[in-house]
Amino acid sequence: MNRLPISHPVLDFMIVYLRGRIAHARDEDTSRGASAVEWVVISAIVVAIVGVVGVAINKALSNKSDSVSNCIQSTSNTSNC
């Protein structure tokens, strides 16, 4: 198992542990990482959509508030209100 000329329990444990981790990494189903990437992409798309909708709502409210402000300031001409 240990090809080194010395043998120490801690060294033997580390070799066995690292071999186990390497075997686990090689045998691990890689779909778990792909699933995480999919969630990140989906989340980024949702955040972008929410941002676009937020900007559209903000612009609509700003335009309407300007219209109301102009209507209040020009009390003589109420036909535009």
N, C-alpha and C. Protein backbone atom coordinates (compact mmCIF):
# COMPACT_ATOMS: atom_id res chain seq x y z
N MET A 1 0.82 -1.18 0.00
CA MET A 1 0.00 0.00 0.00
C MET A 1 0.87 1.25 0.00
N ASN A 2 1.77 1.39 0.92
CA ASN A 2 2.64 2.54 1.02
C ASN A 2 3.95 2.22 0.31
N ARG A 3 4.28 2.95 -0.73
CA ARG A 3 5.51 2.68 -1.49
C ARG A 3 6.71 3.43 -0.93
N LEU A 4 6.48 4.24 0.07
CA LEU A 4 7.59 4.97 0.69
C LEU A 4 8.37 4.03 1.61
N PRO A 5 9.66 4.29 1.78
CA PRO A 5 10.47 3.39 2.63
C PRO A 5 10.13 3.52 4.13
N ILE A 6 9.36 4.57 4.50
CA ILE A 6 9.02 4.73 5.90
C ILE A 6 7.53 4.45 6.08
N SER A 7 7.17 4.08 7.28
CA SER A 7 5.77 3.82 7.57
C SER A 7 5.43 4.50 8.89
N HIS A 8 4.41 5.31 8.84
CA HIS A 8 3.95 6.01 10.03
C HIS A 8 2.43 5.99 9.99
N PRO A 9 1.75 5.80 11.12
CA PRO A 9 0.29 5.71 11.10
C PRO A 9 -0.40 6.94 10.50
N VAL A 10 0.12 8.11 10.78
CA VAL A 10 -0.49 9.32 10.24
C VAL A 10 -0.32 9.37 8.73
N LEU A 11 0.85 9.02 8.26
CA LEU A 11 1.12 9.01 6.83
C LEU A 11 0.25 7.95 6.13
N ASP A 12 0.13 6.78 6.74
CA ASP A 12 -0.72 5.74 6.17
C ASP A 12 -2.18 6.20 6.11
N PHE A 13 -2.64 6.85 7.16
CA PHE A 13 -4.01 7.36 7.17
C PHE A 13 -4.23 8.38 6.06
N MET A 14 -3.28 9.30 5.91
CA MET A 14 -3.43 10.32 4.88
C MET A 14 -3.46 9.70 3.49
N ILE A 15 -2.63 8.71 3.24
CA ILE A 15 -2.61 8.06 1.93
C ILE A 15 -3.94 7.37 1.67
N VAL A 16 -4.45 6.62 2.64
CA VAL A 16 -5.73 5.95 2.48
C VAL A 16 -6.85 6.96 2.30
N TYR A 17 -6.82 8.02 3.08
CA TYR A 17 -7.86 9.06 2.98
C TYR A 17 -7.84 9.73 1.60
N LEU A 18 -6.67 10.11 1.12
CA LEU A 18 -6.58 10.76 -0.18
C LEU A 18 -6.97 9.82 -1.31
N ARG A 19 -6.60 8.56 -1.20
CA ARG A 19 -7.01 7.60 -2.23
C ARG A 19 -8.53 7.45 -2.25
N GLY A 20 -9.12 7.43 -1.08
CA GLY A 20 -10.58 7.35 -1.00
C GLY A 20 -11.25 8.58 -1.59
N ARG A 21 -10.71 9.76 -1.30
CA ARG A 21 -11.28 11.00 -1.85
C ARG A 21 -11.13 11.04 -3.37
N ILE A 22 -9.99 10.61 -3.87
CA ILE A 22 -9.77 10.59 -5.33
C ILE A 22 -10.74 9.60 -5.98
N ALA A 23 -10.91 8.44 -5.38
CA ALA A 23 -11.84 7.45 -5.94
C ALA A 23 -13.27 7.98 -5.89
N HIS A 24 -13.62 8.64 -4.82
CA HIS A 24 -14.97 9.23 -4.69
C HIS A 24 -15.18 10.32 -5.72
N ALA A 25 -14.18 11.13 -5.96
CA ALA A 25 -14.30 12.20 -6.95
C ALA A 25 -14.41 11.63 -8.37
N ARG A 26 -13.72 10.56 -8.63
CA ARG A 26 -13.79 9.96 -9.96
C ARG A 26 -15.11 9.23 -10.18
N ASP A 27 -15.65 8.62 -9.14
CA ASP A 27 -16.89 7.86 -9.26
C ASP A 27 -18.13 8.72 -9.06
N GLU A 28 -17.96 9.93 -8.58
CA GLU A 28 -19.09 10.81 -8.26
C GLU A 28 -19.88 11.16 -9.50
N ASP A 29 -21.18 11.16 -9.36
CA ASP A 29 -22.05 11.58 -10.45
C ASP A 29 -21.88 13.08 -10.64
N THR A 30 -21.54 13.49 -11.85
CA THR A 30 -21.24 14.90 -12.10
C THR A 30 -22.49 15.74 -12.32
N SER A 31 -23.67 15.15 -12.24
CA SER A 31 -24.90 15.91 -12.46
C SER A 31 -25.16 16.88 -11.31
N ARG A 32 -24.59 16.63 -10.15
CA ARG A 32 -24.80 17.55 -9.02
C ARG A 32 -24.21 18.92 -9.32
N GLY A 33 -23.04 18.96 -9.91
CA GLY A 33 -22.43 20.23 -10.29
C GLY A 33 -23.18 20.90 -11.42
N ALA A 34 -23.63 20.10 -12.36
CA ALA A 34 -24.40 20.64 -13.48
C ALA A 34 -25.72 21.22 -12.99
N SER A 35 -26.31 20.57 -12.01
CA SER A 35 -27.57 21.07 -11.44
C SER A 35 -27.35 22.42 -10.77
N ALA A 36 -26.24 22.58 -10.09
CA ALA A 36 -25.94 23.87 -9.46
C ALA A 36 -25.75 24.96 -10.50
N VAL A 37 -25.10 24.63 -11.59
CA VAL A 37 -24.90 25.61 -12.67
C VAL A 37 -26.24 25.98 -13.29
N GLU A 38 -27.11 25.00 -13.46
CA GLU A 38 -28.44 25.29 -14.00
C GLU A 38 -29.21 26.25 -13.09
N TRP A 39 -29.13 26.03 -11.79
CA TRP A 39 -29.82 26.92 -10.85
C TRP A 39 -29.26 28.33 -10.92
N VAL A 40 -27.96 28.46 -11.09
CA VAL A 40 -27.35 29.79 -11.19
C VAL A 40 -27.83 30.50 -12.45
N VAL A 41 -27.89 29.76 -13.56
CA VAL A 41 -28.35 30.35 -14.82
C VAL A 41 -29.82 30.76 -14.72
N ILE A 42 -30.65 29.88 -14.17
CA ILE A 42 -32.07 30.19 -14.02
C ILE A 42 -32.24 31.40 -13.11
N SER A 43 -31.50 31.45 -12.02
CA SER A 43 -31.59 32.59 -11.10
C SER A 43 -31.16 33.89 -11.78
N ALA A 44 -30.12 33.83 -12.59
CA ALA A 44 -29.66 35.03 -13.29
C ALA A 44 -30.72 35.51 -14.28
N ILE A 45 -31.38 34.58 -14.96
CA ILE A 45 -32.44 34.97 -15.90
C ILE A 45 -33.60 35.61 -15.15
N VAL A 46 -34.00 35.04 -14.03
CA VAL A 46 -35.10 35.60 -13.24
C VAL A 46 -34.73 36.98 -12.72
N VAL A 47 -33.52 37.16 -12.25
CA VAL A 47 -33.09 38.47 -11.76
C VAL A 47 -33.10 39.49 -12.90
N ALA A 48 -32.67 39.09 -14.08
CA ALA A 48 -32.69 40.01 -15.22
C ALA A 48 -34.12 40.40 -15.59
N ILE A 49 -35.03 39.44 -15.59
CA ILE A 49 -36.43 39.75 -15.90
C ILE A 49 -37.02 40.69 -14.87
N VAL A 50 -36.75 40.44 -13.60
CA VAL A 50 -37.25 41.31 -12.53
C VAL A 50 -36.66 42.71 -12.68
N GLY A 51 -35.41 42.80 -13.05
CA GLY A 51 -34.78 44.11 -13.25
C GLY A 51 -35.43 44.87 -14.40
N VAL A 52 -35.70 44.20 -15.50
CA VAL A 52 -36.33 44.86 -16.65
C VAL A 52 -37.74 45.32 -16.29
N VAL A 53 -38.49 44.47 -15.61
CA VAL A 53 -39.85 44.86 -15.19
C VAL A 53 -39.78 46.03 -14.21
N GLY A 54 -38.83 46.00 -13.30
CA GLY A 54 -38.67 47.10 -12.34
C GLY A 54 -38.36 48.42 -13.03
N VAL A 55 -37.49 48.38 -14.02
CA VAL A 55 -37.16 49.61 -14.77
C VAL A 55 -38.37 50.11 -15.53
N ALA A 56 -39.14 49.20 -16.13
CA ALA A 56 -40.34 49.60 -16.87
C ALA A 56 -41.36 50.23 -15.94
N ILE A 57 -41.58 49.64 -14.79
CA ILE A 57 -42.53 50.20 -13.82
C ILE A 57 -42.04 51.55 -13.32
N ASN A 58 -40.76 51.66 -13.03
CA ASN A 58 -40.19 52.92 -12.56
C ASN A 58 -40.37 54.02 -13.61
N LYS A 59 -40.12 53.69 -14.86
CA LYS A 59 -40.26 54.68 -15.94
C LYS A 59 -41.72 55.10 -16.09
N ALA A 60 -42.66 54.14 -16.02
CA ALA A 60 -44.07 54.46 -16.14
C ALA A 60 -44.54 55.34 -14.98
N LEU A 61 -44.10 55.02 -13.78
CA LEU A 61 -44.49 55.84 -12.63
C LEU A 61 -43.88 57.23 -12.70
N SER A 62 -42.65 57.31 -13.17
CA SER A 62 -41.99 58.61 -13.30
C SER A 62 -42.71 59.48 -14.32
N ASN A 63 -43.07 58.89 -15.46
CA ASN A 63 -43.81 59.65 -16.47
C ASN A 63 -45.16 60.12 -15.95
N LYS A 64 -45.85 59.25 -15.24
CA LYS A 64 -47.16 59.62 -14.71
C LYS A 64 -47.03 60.68 -13.63
N SER A 65 -45.99 60.57 -12.80
CA SER A 65 -45.82 61.59 -11.75
C SER A 65 -45.47 62.95 -12.37
N ASP A 66 -44.70 62.94 -13.45
CA ASP A 66 -44.41 64.20 -14.15
C ASP A 66 -45.70 64.80 -14.72
N SER A 67 -46.55 63.94 -15.24
CA SER A 67 -47.82 64.40 -15.79
C SER A 67 -48.70 65.00 -14.70
N VAL A 68 -48.77 64.36 -13.58
CA VAL A 68 -49.57 64.88 -12.46
C VAL A 68 -48.97 66.18 -11.95
N SER A 69 -47.65 66.25 -11.86
CA SER A 69 -46.99 67.47 -11.40
C SER A 69 -47.27 68.63 -12.35
N ASN A 70 -47.19 68.38 -13.64
CA ASN A 70 -47.50 69.44 -14.62
C ASN A 70 -48.96 69.86 -14.52
N CYS A 71 -49.83 68.93 -14.27
CA CYS A 71 -51.26 69.23 -14.14
C CYS A 71 -51.52 70.10 -12.91
N ILE A 72 -50.83 69.81 -11.83
CA ILE A 72 -51.02 70.59 -10.60
C ILE A 72 -50.46 72.00 -10.78
N GLN A 73 -49.33 72.11 -11.45
CA GLN A 73 -48.70 73.42 -11.62
C GLN A 73 -49.50 74.32 -12.56
N SER A 74 -50.12 73.76 -13.55
CA SER A 74 -50.89 74.57 -14.49
C SER A 74 -52.36 74.43 -14.18
N THR A 75 -52.80 75.11 -13.14
CA THR A 75 -54.20 75.00 -12.70
C THR A 75 -55.14 75.73 -13.64
N SER A 76 -54.62 76.64 -14.47
CA SER A 76 -55.51 77.36 -15.39
C SER A 76 -55.96 76.49 -16.55
N ASN A 77 -55.11 75.57 -16.97
CA ASN A 77 -55.46 74.71 -18.09
C ASN A 77 -55.65 73.28 -17.56
N THR A 78 -56.86 72.92 -17.23
CA THR A 78 -57.15 71.60 -16.66
C THR A 78 -57.61 70.60 -17.70
N SER A 79 -57.60 70.95 -18.96
CA SER A 79 -58.05 70.01 -19.99
C SER A 79 -57.06 68.88 -20.20
N ASN A 80 -55.79 69.09 -19.89
CA ASN A 80 -54.77 68.04 -20.05
C ASN A 80 -54.75 67.05 -18.90
N CYS A 81 -55.44 67.36 -17.84
CA CYS A 81 -55.36 66.50 -16.65
C CYS A 81 -56.30 65.39 -16.72
